[in-house]
Amino acid sequence: MAMLSNYSEQAPSRAEVDAYQGATVIEFGTDWCGHCQAAQPHLAKAFSEHPHLQHLKIEDGPGRPLGRSFRVKLWPTLIFLRDGEEIERLVRPQDAESIRQAMNNIVR
């Protein structure tokens, strides 16, 4: 699966996320967030080396249940899951290497 370019207003339920199999990256943020925009080149570079990873790009904000269930406070927040379990988290990543390393930690 390729990296997604826009944040989706539609989010799976937490129960659906917990049931995911394999490696998944959830990216919480918004299209208008400057920090989110600045992270996109780093994400693109990391995803170019891990195109098989499932990527969910979820619009976050007050009252959004999935982001609240993960206690997201700042954007972008990247949640790295293996079989529905959080393995690692990056908040406002500023380089592709840290994202790539976290991706490596969820790949079997």
PDB file of N, CA and C in Angstrom:
ATOM      1  N   MET A   1       0.851  -1.175   0.000  1.00  0.00           N
ATOM      2  CA  MET A   1       0.000   0.000   0.000  1.00  0.00           C
ATOM      3  C   MET A   1       0.892   1.231   0.000  1.00  0.00           C
ATOM      4  N   ALA A   2       0.573   2.183  -0.825  1.00  0.00           N
ATOM      5  CA  ALA A   2       1.357   3.412  -0.921  1.00  0.00           C
ATOM      6  C   ALA A   2       0.956   4.395   0.174  1.00  0.00           C
ATOM      7  N   MET A   3       1.820   5.356   0.404  1.00  0.00           N
ATOM      8  CA  MET A   3       1.537   6.397   1.374  1.00  0.00           C
ATOM      9  C   MET A   3       0.341   7.217   0.897  1.00  0.00           C
ATOM     10  N   LEU A   4      -0.554   7.523   1.804  1.00  0.00           N
ATOM     11  CA  LEU A   4      -1.718   8.344   1.485  1.00  0.00           C
ATOM     12  C   LEU A   4      -1.332   9.814   1.525  1.00  0.00           C
ATOM     13  N   SER A   5      -2.023  10.638   0.723  1.00  0.00           N
ATOM     14  CA  SER A   5      -1.644  12.045   0.660  1.00  0.00           C
ATOM     15  C   SER A   5      -2.556  12.965   1.462  1.00  0.00           C
ATOM     16  N   ASN A   6      -3.818  12.592   1.686  1.00  0.00           N
ATOM     17  CA  ASN A   6      -4.743  13.459   2.424  1.00  0.00           C
ATOM     18  C   ASN A   6      -5.274  12.753   3.659  1.00  0.00           C
ATOM     19  N   TYR A   7      -5.545  13.562   4.681  1.00  0.00           N
ATOM     20  CA  TYR A   7      -6.131  13.032   5.905  1.00  0.00           C
ATOM     21  C   TYR A   7      -7.608  12.729   5.660  1.00  0.00           C
ATOM     22  N   SER A   8      -8.045  11.589   6.132  1.00  0.00           N
ATOM     23  CA  SER A   8      -9.424  11.162   5.957  1.00  0.00           C
ATOM     24  C   SER A   8     -10.256  11.550   7.173  1.00  0.00           C
ATOM     25  N   GLU A   9     -11.466  12.048   6.903  1.00  0.00           N
ATOM     26  CA  GLU A   9     -12.394  12.328   7.998  1.00  0.00           C
ATOM     27  C   GLU A   9     -13.000  11.041   8.537  1.00  0.00           C
ATOM     28  N   GLN A  10     -12.966   9.980   7.739  1.00  0.00           N
ATOM     29  CA  GLN A  10     -13.509   8.685   8.144  1.00  0.00           C
ATOM     30  C   GLN A  10     -12.421   7.898   8.871  1.00  0.00           C
ATOM     31  N   ALA A  11     -12.757   7.428  10.048  1.00  0.00           N
ATOM     32  CA  ALA A  11     -11.785   6.670  10.836  1.00  0.00           C
ATOM     33  C   ALA A  11     -12.400   5.346  11.252  1.00  0.00           C
ATOM     34  N   PRO A  12     -11.596   4.298  11.275  1.00  0.00           N
ATOM     35  CA  PRO A  12     -12.108   3.035  11.812  1.00  0.00           C
ATOM     36  C   PRO A  12     -12.335   3.170  13.310  1.00  0.00           C
ATOM     37  N   SER A  13     -13.058   2.243  13.864  1.00  0.00           N
ATOM     38  CA  SER A  13     -13.238   2.224  15.318  1.00  0.00           C
ATOM     39  C   SER A  13     -11.965   1.690  15.965  1.00  0.00           C
ATOM     40  N   ARG A  14     -11.829   1.922  17.244  1.00  0.00           N
ATOM     41  CA  ARG A  14     -10.660   1.398  17.953  1.00  0.00           C
ATOM     42  C   ARG A  14     -10.668  -0.121  17.919  1.00  0.00           C
ATOM     43  N   ALA A  15     -11.844  -0.735  18.014  1.00  0.00           N
ATOM     44  CA  ALA A  15     -11.928  -2.199  17.954  1.00  0.00           C
ATOM     45  C   ALA A  15     -11.433  -2.715  16.607  1.00  0.00           C
ATOM     46  N   GLU A  16     -11.754  -2.008  15.526  1.00  0.00           N
ATOM     47  CA  GLU A  16     -11.263  -2.418  14.203  1.00  0.00           C
ATOM     48  C   GLU A  16      -9.750  -2.306  14.136  1.00  0.00           C
ATOM     49  N   VAL A  17      -9.195  -1.212  14.664  1.00  0.00           N
ATOM     50  CA  VAL A  17      -7.738  -1.019  14.660  1.00  0.00           C
ATOM     51  C   VAL A  17      -7.066  -2.107  15.493  1.00  0.00           C
ATOM     52  N   ASP A  18      -7.625  -2.412  16.644  1.00  0.00           N
ATOM     53  CA  ASP A  18      -7.043  -3.442  17.509  1.00  0.00           C
ATOM     54  C   ASP A  18      -7.034  -4.809  16.840  1.00  0.00           C
ATOM     55  N   ALA A  19      -7.916  -5.027  15.871  1.00  0.00           N
ATOM     56  CA  ALA A  19      -8.006  -6.316  15.183  1.00  0.00           C
ATOM     57  C   ALA A  19      -7.144  -6.389  13.923  1.00  0.00           C
ATOM     58  N   TYR A  20      -6.491  -5.286  13.536  1.00  0.00           N
ATOM     59  CA  TYR A  20      -5.643  -5.302  12.339  1.00  0.00           C
ATOM     60  C   TYR A  20      -4.550  -6.356  12.466  1.00  0.00           C
ATOM     61  N   GLN A  21      -4.254  -6.983  11.350  1.00  0.00           N
ATOM     62  CA  GLN A  21      -3.164  -7.952  11.289  1.00  0.00           C
ATOM     63  C   GLN A  21      -2.007  -7.334  10.521  1.00  0.00           C
ATOM     64  N   GLY A  22      -0.796  -7.639  10.930  1.00  0.00           N
ATOM     65  CA  GLY A  22       0.381  -7.140  10.242  1.00  0.00           C
ATOM     66  C   GLY A  22       0.788  -5.759  10.724  1.00  0.00           C
ATOM     67  N   ALA A  23       1.610  -5.117   9.907  1.00  0.00           N
ATOM     68  CA  ALA A  23       2.194  -3.814  10.251  1.00  0.00           C
ATOM     69  C   ALA A  23       1.337  -2.682   9.692  1.00  0.00           C
ATOM     70  N   THR A  24       1.051  -1.710  10.560  1.00  0.00           N
ATOM     71  CA  THR A  24       0.215  -0.567  10.189  1.00  0.00           C
ATOM     72  C   THR A  24       0.801   0.690  10.802  1.00  0.00           C
ATOM     73  N   VAL A  25       0.757   1.779  10.037  1.00  0.00           N
ATOM     74  CA  VAL A  25       1.135   3.098  10.549  1.00  0.00           C
ATOM     75  C   VAL A  25      -0.108   3.971  10.510  1.00  0.00           C
ATOM     76  N   ILE A  26      -0.479   4.515  11.666  1.00  0.00           N
ATOM     77  CA  ILE A  26      -1.580   5.471  11.725  1.00  0.00           C
ATOM     78  C   ILE A  26      -0.963   6.851  11.916  1.00  0.00           C
ATOM     79  N   GLU A  27      -1.324   7.752  11.037  1.00  0.00           N
ATOM     80  CA  GLU A  27      -0.841   9.139  11.096  1.00  0.00           C
ATOM     81  C   GLU A  27      -2.021  10.030  11.448  1.00  0.00           C
ATOM     82  N   PHE A  28      -1.949  10.677  12.601  1.00  0.00           N
ATOM     83  CA  PHE A  28      -2.989  11.614  13.023  1.00  0.00           C
ATOM     84  C   PHE A  28      -2.519  13.032  12.742  1.00  0.00           C
ATOM     85  N   GLY A  29      -3.405  13.847  12.177  1.00  0.00           N
ATOM     86  CA  GLY A  29      -3.084  15.242  11.900  1.00  0.00           C
ATOM     87  C   GLY A  29      -4.210  15.890  11.123  1.00  0.00           C
ATOM     88  N   THR A  30      -3.901  16.989  10.446  1.00  0.00           N
ATOM     89  CA  THR A  30      -4.858  17.673   9.577  1.00  0.00           C
ATOM     90  C   THR A  30      -4.114  18.200   8.361  1.00  0.00           C
ATOM     91  N   ASP A  31      -4.848  18.415   7.275  1.00  0.00           N
ATOM     92  CA  ASP A  31      -4.227  18.918   6.054  1.00  0.00           C
ATOM     93  C   ASP A  31      -3.694  20.343   6.215  1.00  0.00           C
ATOM     94  N   TRP A  32      -4.284  21.132   7.116  1.00  0.00           N
ATOM     95  CA  TRP A  32      -3.866  22.523   7.275  1.00  0.00           C
ATOM     96  C   TRP A  32      -2.755  22.721   8.311  1.00  0.00           C
ATOM     97  N   CYS A  33      -2.364  21.680   9.020  1.00  0.00           N
ATOM     98  CA  CYS A  33      -1.347  21.770  10.073  1.00  0.00           C
ATOM     99  C   CYS A  33       0.054  21.937   9.465  1.00  0.00           C
ATOM    100  N   GLY A  34       0.750  22.994   9.848  1.00  0.00           N
ATOM    101  CA  GLY A  34       2.095  23.244   9.340  1.00  0.00           C
ATOM    102  C   GLY A  34       3.086  22.153   9.710  1.00  0.00           C
ATOM    103  N   HIS A  35       2.997  21.633  10.927  1.00  0.00           N
ATOM    104  CA  HIS A  35       3.889  20.545  11.352  1.00  0.00           C
ATOM    105  C   HIS A  35       3.628  19.292  10.512  1.00  0.00           C
ATOM    106  N   CYS A  36       2.345  19.046  10.221  1.00  0.00           N
ATOM    107  CA  CYS A  36       1.975  17.877   9.403  1.00  0.00           C
ATOM    108  C   CYS A  36       2.528  18.031   7.986  1.00  0.00           C
ATOM    109  N   GLN A  37       2.401  19.224   7.424  1.00  0.00           N
ATOM    110  CA  GLN A  37       2.909  19.482   6.082  1.00  0.00           C
ATOM    111  C   GLN A  37       4.426  19.321   6.033  1.00  0.00           C
ATOM    112  N   ALA A  38       5.116  19.797   7.074  1.00  0.00           N
ATOM    113  CA  ALA A  38       6.578  19.700   7.111  1.00  0.00           C
ATOM    114  C   ALA A  38       7.050  18.257   7.208  1.00  0.00           C
ATOM    115  N   ALA A  39       6.244  17.393   7.797  1.00  0.00           N
ATOM    116  CA  ALA A  39       6.634  15.981   7.971  1.00  0.00           C
ATOM    117  C   ALA A  39       6.438  15.164   6.694  1.00  0.00           C
ATOM    118  N   GLN A  40       5.653  15.649   5.744  1.00  0.00           N
ATOM    119  CA  GLN A  40       5.295  14.840   4.578  1.00  0.00           C
ATOM    120  C   GLN A  40       6.489  14.367   3.740  1.00  0.00           C
ATOM    121  N   PRO A  41       7.495  15.196   3.461  1.00  0.00           N
ATOM    122  CA  PRO A  41       8.643  14.682   2.707  1.00  0.00           C
ATOM    123  C   PRO A  41       9.379  13.553   3.438  1.00  0.00           C
ATOM    124  N   HIS A  42       9.458  13.652   4.755  1.00  0.00           N
ATOM    125  CA  HIS A  42      10.119  12.606   5.548  1.00  0.00           C
ATOM    126  C   HIS A  42       9.305  11.311   5.512  1.00  0.00           C
ATOM    127  N   LEU A  43       7.995  11.451   5.617  1.00  0.00           N
ATOM    128  CA  LEU A  43       7.118  10.283   5.524  1.00  0.00           C
ATOM    129  C   LEU A  43       7.220   9.639   4.151  1.00  0.00           C
ATOM    130  N   ALA A  44       7.214  10.449   3.115  1.00  0.00           N
ATOM    131  CA  ALA A  44       7.304   9.922   1.747  1.00  0.00           C
ATOM    132  C   ALA A  44       8.592   9.137   1.552  1.00  0.00           C
ATOM    133  N   LYS A  45       9.689   9.664   2.070  1.00  0.00           N
ATOM    134  CA  LYS A  45      10.965   8.968   1.936  1.00  0.00           C
ATOM    135  C   LYS A  45      10.939   7.634   2.682  1.00  0.00           C
ATOM    136  N   ALA A  46      10.422   7.639   3.901  1.00  0.00           N
ATOM    137  CA  ALA A  46      10.363   6.400   4.689  1.00  0.00           C
ATOM    138  C   ALA A  46       9.418   5.392   4.046  1.00  0.00           C
ATOM    139  N   PHE A  47       8.271   5.838   3.562  1.00  0.00           N
ATOM    140  CA  PHE A  47       7.325   4.919   2.927  1.00  0.00           C
ATOM    141  C   PHE A  47       7.857   4.395   1.606  1.00  0.00           C
ATOM    142  N   SER A  48       8.751   5.126   0.947  1.00  0.00           N
ATOM    143  CA  SER A  48       9.317   4.621  -0.313  1.00  0.00           C
ATOM    144  C   SER A  48      10.126   3.347  -0.073  1.00  0.00           C
ATOM    145  N   GLU A  49      10.631   3.189   1.139  1.00  0.00           N
ATOM    146  CA  GLU A  49      11.394   1.992   1.492  1.00  0.00           C
ATOM    147  C   GLU A  49      10.517   0.911   2.131  1.00  0.00           C
ATOM    148  N   HIS A  50       9.286   1.262   2.464  1.00  0.00           N
ATOM    149  CA  HIS A  50       8.346   0.319   3.084  1.00  0.00           C
ATOM    150  C   HIS A  50       6.974   0.456   2.425  1.00  0.00           C
ATOM    151  N   PRO A  51       6.889   0.263   1.108  1.00  0.00           N
ATOM    152  CA  PRO A  51       5.609   0.484   0.416  1.00  0.00           C
ATOM    153  C   PRO A  51       4.528  -0.526   0.791  1.00  0.00           C
ATOM    154  N   HIS A  52       4.889  -1.624   1.408  1.00  0.00           N
ATOM    155  CA  HIS A  52       3.934  -2.669   1.775  1.00  0.00           C
ATOM    156  C   HIS A  52       3.176  -2.358   3.065  1.00  0.00           C
ATOM    157  N   LEU A  53       3.628  -1.381   3.831  1.00  0.00           N
ATOM    158  CA  LEU A  53       2.978  -1.076   5.103  1.00  0.00           C
ATOM    159  C   LEU A  53       1.597  -0.462   4.881  1.00  0.00           C
ATOM    160  N   GLN A  54       0.649  -0.882   5.700  1.00  0.00           N
ATOM    161  CA  GLN A  54      -0.671  -0.251   5.666  1.00  0.00           C
ATOM    162  C   GLN A  54      -0.536   1.122   6.302  1.00  0.00           C
ATOM    163  N   HIS A  55      -1.103   2.140   5.659  1.00  0.00           N
ATOM    164  CA  HIS A  55      -1.013   3.520   6.138  1.00  0.00           C
ATOM    165  C   HIS A  55      -2.421   4.075   6.289  1.00  0.00           C
ATOM    166  N   LEU A  56      -2.755   4.510   7.486  1.00  0.00           N
ATOM    167  CA  LEU A  56      -4.003   5.223   7.735  1.00  0.00           C
ATOM    168  C   LEU A  56      -3.645   6.659   8.061  1.00  0.00           C
ATOM    169  N   LYS A  57      -4.243   7.576   7.367  1.00  0.00           N
ATOM    170  CA  LYS A  57      -3.984   8.998   7.573  1.00  0.00           C
ATOM    171  C   LYS A  57      -5.302   9.605   8.032  1.00  0.00           C
ATOM    172  N   ILE A  58      -5.424   9.813   9.340  1.00  0.00           N
ATOM    173  CA  ILE A  58      -6.690  10.156   9.957  1.00  0.00           C
ATOM    174  C   ILE A  58      -6.691  11.608  10.426  1.00  0.00           C
ATOM    175  N   GLU A  59      -7.714  12.352   9.982  1.00  0.00           N
ATOM    176  CA  GLU A  59      -7.883  13.723  10.464  1.00  0.00           C
ATOM    177  C   GLU A  59      -8.259  13.662  11.940  1.00  0.00           C
ATOM    178  N   ASP A  60      -7.584  14.459  12.730  1.00  0.00           N
ATOM    179  CA  ASP A  60      -7.790  14.435  14.168  1.00  0.00           C
ATOM    180  C   ASP A  60      -8.291  15.789  14.638  1.00  0.00           C
ATOM    181  N   GLY A  61      -8.830  15.808  15.817  1.00  0.00           N
ATOM    182  CA  GLY A  61      -9.314  17.040  16.423  1.00  0.00           C
ATOM    183  C   GLY A  61     -10.191  16.722  17.616  1.00  0.00           C
ATOM    184  N   PRO A  62     -10.705  17.759  18.276  1.00  0.00           N
ATOM    185  CA  PRO A  62     -11.561  17.542  19.443  1.00  0.00           C
ATOM    186  C   PRO A  62     -12.762  16.662  19.086  1.00  0.00           C
ATOM    187  N   GLY A  63     -13.036  15.726  19.959  1.00  0.00           N
ATOM    188  CA  GLY A  63     -14.190  14.870  19.765  1.00  0.00           C
ATOM    189  C   GLY A  63     -13.991  13.730  18.783  1.00  0.00           C
ATOM    190  N   ARG A  64     -12.795  13.581  18.241  1.00  0.00           N
ATOM    191  CA  ARG A  64     -12.529  12.474  17.329  1.00  0.00           C
ATOM    192  C   ARG A  64     -12.121  11.264  18.164  1.00  0.00           C
ATOM    193  N   PRO A  65     -12.953  10.221  18.199  1.00  0.00           N
ATOM    194  CA  PRO A  65     -12.723   9.135  19.157  1.00  0.00           C
ATOM    195  C   PRO A  65     -11.443   8.328  18.952  1.00  0.00           C
ATOM    196  N   LEU A  66     -11.025   8.107  17.703  1.00  0.00           N
ATOM    197  CA  LEU A  66      -9.828   7.281  17.521  1.00  0.00           C
ATOM    198  C   LEU A  66      -8.595   7.994  18.067  1.00  0.00           C
ATOM    199  N   GLY A  67      -8.439   9.260  17.739  1.00  0.00           N
ATOM    200  CA  GLY A  67      -7.304  10.019  18.268  1.00  0.00           C
ATOM    201  C   GLY A  67      -7.320  10.098  19.779  1.00  0.00           C
ATOM    202  N   ARG A  68      -8.514  10.269  20.361  1.00  0.00           N
ATOM    203  CA  ARG A  68      -8.601  10.326  21.821  1.00  0.00           C
ATOM    204  C   ARG A  68      -8.243   8.983  22.439  1.00  0.00           C
ATOM    205  N   SER A  69      -8.611   7.882  21.772  1.00  0.00           N
ATOM    206  CA  SER A  69      -8.306   6.559  22.340  1.00  0.00           C
ATOM    207  C   SER A  69      -6.805   6.302  22.380  1.00  0.00           C
ATOM    208  N   PHE A  70      -6.058   6.974  21.477  1.00  0.00           N
ATOM    209  CA  PHE A  70      -4.595   6.857  21.473  1.00  0.00           C
ATOM    210  C   PHE A  70      -3.939   8.008  22.242  1.00  0.00           C
ATOM    211  N   ARG A  71      -4.737   8.862  22.856  1.00  0.00           N
ATOM    212  CA  ARG A  71      -4.249  10.013  23.637  1.00  0.00           C
ATOM    213  C   ARG A  71      -3.362  10.946  22.803  1.00  0.00           C
ATOM    214  N   VAL A  72      -3.764  11.197  21.564  1.00  0.00           N
ATOM    215  CA  VAL A  72      -3.025  12.096  20.685  1.00  0.00           C
ATOM    216  C   VAL A  72      -3.192  13.520  21.195  1.00  0.00           C
ATOM    217  N   LYS A  73      -2.077  14.229  21.337  1.00  0.00           N
ATOM    218  CA  LYS A  73      -2.085  15.613  21.818  1.00  0.00           C
ATOM    219  C   LYS A  73      -1.537  16.585  20.785  1.00  0.00           C
ATOM    220  N   LEU A  74      -0.522  16.163  20.028  1.00  0.00           N
ATOM    221  CA  LEU A  74       0.128  17.026  19.042  1.00  0.00           C
ATOM    222  C   LEU A  74       0.109  16.352  17.678  1.00  0.00           C
ATOM    223  N   TRP A  75       0.169  17.158  16.637  1.00  0.00           N
ATOM    224  CA  TRP A  75       0.171  16.648  15.267  1.00  0.00           C
ATOM    225  C   TRP A  75       1.484  16.950  14.581  1.00  0.00           C
ATOM    226  N   PRO A  76       1.914  16.137  13.678  1.00  0.00           N
ATOM    227  CA  PRO A  76       1.396  14.802  13.470  1.00  0.00           C
ATOM    228  C   PRO A  76       1.898  13.849  14.553  1.00  0.00           C
ATOM    229  N   THR A  77       1.061  12.897  14.861  1.00  0.00           N
ATOM    230  CA  THR A  77       1.454  11.784  15.722  1.00  0.00           C
ATOM    231  C   THR A  77       1.359  10.521  14.891  1.00  0.00           C
ATOM    232  N   LEU A  78       2.436   9.756  14.882  1.00  0.00           N
ATOM    233  CA  LEU A  78       2.482   8.496  14.150  1.00  0.00           C
ATOM    234  C   LEU A  78       2.445   7.355  15.156  1.00  0.00           C
ATOM    235  N   ILE A  79       1.492   6.443  14.962  1.00  0.00           N
ATOM    236  CA  ILE A  79       1.367   5.263  15.802  1.00  0.00           C
ATOM    237  C   ILE A  79       1.770   4.068  14.945  1.00  0.00           C
ATOM    238  N   PHE A  80       2.734   3.300  15.396  1.00  0.00           N
ATOM    239  CA  PHE A  80       3.241   2.136  14.668  1.00  0.00           C
ATOM    240  C   PHE A  80       2.700   0.882  15.350  1.00  0.00           C
ATOM    241  N   LEU A  81       1.878   0.134  14.614  1.00  0.00           N
ATOM    242  CA  LEU A  81       1.201  -1.035  15.166  1.00  0.00           C
ATOM    243  C   LEU A  81       1.705  -2.316  14.524  1.00  0.00           C
ATOM    244  N   ARG A  82       1.748  -3.370  15.312  1.00  0.00           N
ATOM    245  CA  ARG A  82       1.954  -4.723  14.798  1.00  0.00           C
ATOM    246  C   ARG A  82       0.815  -5.559  15.348  1.00  0.00           C
ATOM    247  N   ASP A  83       0.026  -6.118  14.456  1.00  0.00           N
ATOM    248  CA  ASP A  83      -1.139  -6.922  14.826  1.00  0.00           C
ATOM    249  C   ASP A  83      -2.032  -6.183  15.823  1.00  0.00           C
ATOM    250  N   GLY A  84      -2.274  -4.897  15.551  1.00  0.00           N
ATOM    251  CA  GLY A  84      -3.183  -4.097  16.361  1.00  0.00           C
ATOM    252  C   GLY A  84      -2.624  -3.572  17.660  1.00  0.00           C
ATOM    253  N   GLU A  85      -1.380  -3.884  17.962  1.00  0.00           N
ATOM    254  CA  GLU A  85      -0.761  -3.440  19.217  1.00  0.00           C
ATOM    255  C   GLU A  85       0.248  -2.334  18.938  1.00  0.00           C
ATOM    256  N   GLU A  86       0.169  -1.252  19.715  1.00  0.00           N
ATOM    257  CA  GLU A  86       1.118  -0.150  19.544  1.00  0.00           C
ATOM    258  C   GLU A  86       2.512  -0.604  19.955  1.00  0.00           C
ATOM    259  N   ILE A  87       3.453  -0.464  19.026  1.00  0.00           N
ATOM    260  CA  ILE A  87       4.843  -0.838  19.272  1.00  0.00           C
ATOM    261  C   ILE A  87       5.683   0.413  19.505  1.00  0.00           C
ATOM    262  N   GLU A  88       5.367   1.458  18.761  1.00  0.00           N
ATOM    263  CA  GLU A  88       6.152   2.689  18.858  1.00  0.00           C
ATOM    264  C   GLU A  88       5.277   3.862  18.472  1.00  0.00           C
ATOM    265  N   ARG A  89       5.724   5.067  18.863  1.00  0.00           N
ATOM    266  CA  ARG A  89       5.006   6.305  18.569  1.00  0.00           C
ATOM    267  C   ARG A  89       6.024   7.396  18.319  1.00  0.00           C
ATOM    268  N   LEU A  90       5.764   8.211  17.311  1.00  0.00           N
ATOM    269  CA  LEU A  90       6.577   9.391  17.049  1.00  0.00           C
ATOM    270  C   LEU A  90       5.658  10.602  17.006  1.00  0.00           C
ATOM    271  N   VAL A  91       6.046  11.650  17.695  1.00  0.00           N
ATOM    272  CA  VAL A  91       5.282  12.889  17.694  1.00  0.00           C
ATOM    273  C   VAL A  91       6.134  13.957  17.005  1.00  0.00           C
ATOM    274  N   ARG A  92       5.559  14.562  15.983  1.00  0.00           N
ATOM    275  CA  ARG A  92       6.227  15.593  15.182  1.00  0.00           C
ATOM    276  C   ARG A  92       7.622  15.158  14.703  1.00  0.00           C
ATOM    277  N   PRO A  93       7.680  14.056  13.970  1.00  0.00           N
ATOM    278  CA  PRO A  93       8.988  13.599  13.477  1.00  0.00           C
ATOM    279  C   PRO A  93       9.609  14.632  12.547  1.00  0.00           C
ATOM    280  N   GLN A  94      10.926  14.766  12.638  1.00  0.00           N
ATOM    281  CA  GLN A  94      11.616  15.785  11.857  1.00  0.00           C
ATOM    282  C   GLN A  94      12.651  15.211  10.904  1.00  0.00           C
ATOM    283  N   ASP A  95      12.657  13.878  10.747  1.00  0.00           N
ATOM    284  CA  ASP A  95      13.589  13.262   9.805  1.00  0.00           C
ATOM    285  C   ASP A  95      13.044  11.913   9.373  1.00  0.00           C
ATOM    286  N   ALA A  96      13.449  11.485   8.196  1.00  0.00           N
ATOM    287  CA  ALA A  96      12.985  10.206   7.651  1.00  0.00           C
ATOM    288  C   ALA A  96      13.587   9.029   8.409  1.00  0.00           C
ATOM    289  N   GLU A  97      14.771   9.184   8.940  1.00  0.00           N
ATOM    290  CA  GLU A  97      15.448   8.064   9.599  1.00  0.00           C
ATOM    291  C   GLU A  97      14.684   7.575  10.819  1.00  0.00           C
ATOM    292  N   SER A  98      14.179   8.481  11.650  1.00  0.00           N
ATOM    293  CA  SER A  98      13.429   8.042  12.834  1.00  0.00           C
ATOM    294  C   SER A  98      12.149   7.315  12.424  1.00  0.00           C
ATOM    295  N   ILE A  99      11.517   7.763  11.356  1.00  0.00           N
ATOM    296  CA  ILE A  99      10.308   7.099  10.859  1.00  0.00           C
ATOM    297  C   ILE A  99      10.674   5.721  10.315  1.00  0.00           C
ATOM    298  N   ARG A 100      11.739   5.645   9.552  1.00  0.00           N
ATOM    299  CA  ARG A 100      12.196   4.377   8.971  1.00  0.00           C
ATOM    300  C   ARG A 100      12.532   3.366  10.075  1.00  0.00           C
ATOM    301  N   GLN A 101      13.209   3.812  11.116  1.00  0.00           N
ATOM    302  CA  GLN A 101      13.564   2.915  12.219  1.00  0.00           C
ATOM    303  C   GLN A 101      12.315   2.374  12.910  1.00  0.00           C
ATOM    304  N   ALA A 102      11.329   3.244  13.116  1.00  0.00           N
ATOM    305  CA  ALA A 102      10.083   2.791  13.736  1.00  0.00           C
ATOM    306  C   ALA A 102       9.360   1.800  12.823  1.00  0.00           C
ATOM    307  N   MET A 103       9.402   2.037  11.522  1.00  0.00           N
ATOM    308  CA  MET A 103       8.799   1.106  10.573  1.00  0.00           C
ATOM    309  C   MET A 103       9.506  -0.249  10.641  1.00  0.00           C
ATOM    310  N   ASN A 104      10.816  -0.217  10.736  1.00  0.00           N
ATOM    311  CA  ASN A 104      11.575  -1.462  10.838  1.00  0.00           C
ATOM    312  C   ASN A 104      11.173  -2.256  12.080  1.00  0.00           C
ATOM    313  N   ASN A 105      10.808  -1.567  13.149  1.00  0.00           N
ATOM    314  CA  ASN A 105      10.431  -2.236  14.392  1.00  0.00           C
ATOM    315  C   ASN A 105       9.088  -2.954  14.321  1.00  0.00           C
ATOM    316  N   ILE A 106       8.245  -2.607  13.356  1.00  0.00           N
ATOM    317  CA  ILE A 106       6.951  -3.265  13.271  1.00  0.00           C
ATOM    318  C   ILE A 106       6.885  -4.303  12.151  1.00  0.00           C
ATOM    319  N   VAL A 107       7.922  -4.362  11.324  1.00  0.00           N
ATOM    320  CA  VAL A 107       7.952  -5.306  10.219  1.00  0.00           C
ATOM    321  C   VAL A 107       8.555  -6.617  10.714  1.00  0.00           C
ATOM    322  N   ARG A 108       7.955  -7.706  10.318  1.00  0.00           N
ATOM    323  CA  ARG A 108       8.497  -9.021  10.719  1.00  0.00           C
ATOM    324  C   ARG A 108       9.264  -9.604   9.594  1.00  0.00           C
TER     325      ARG A 108
END
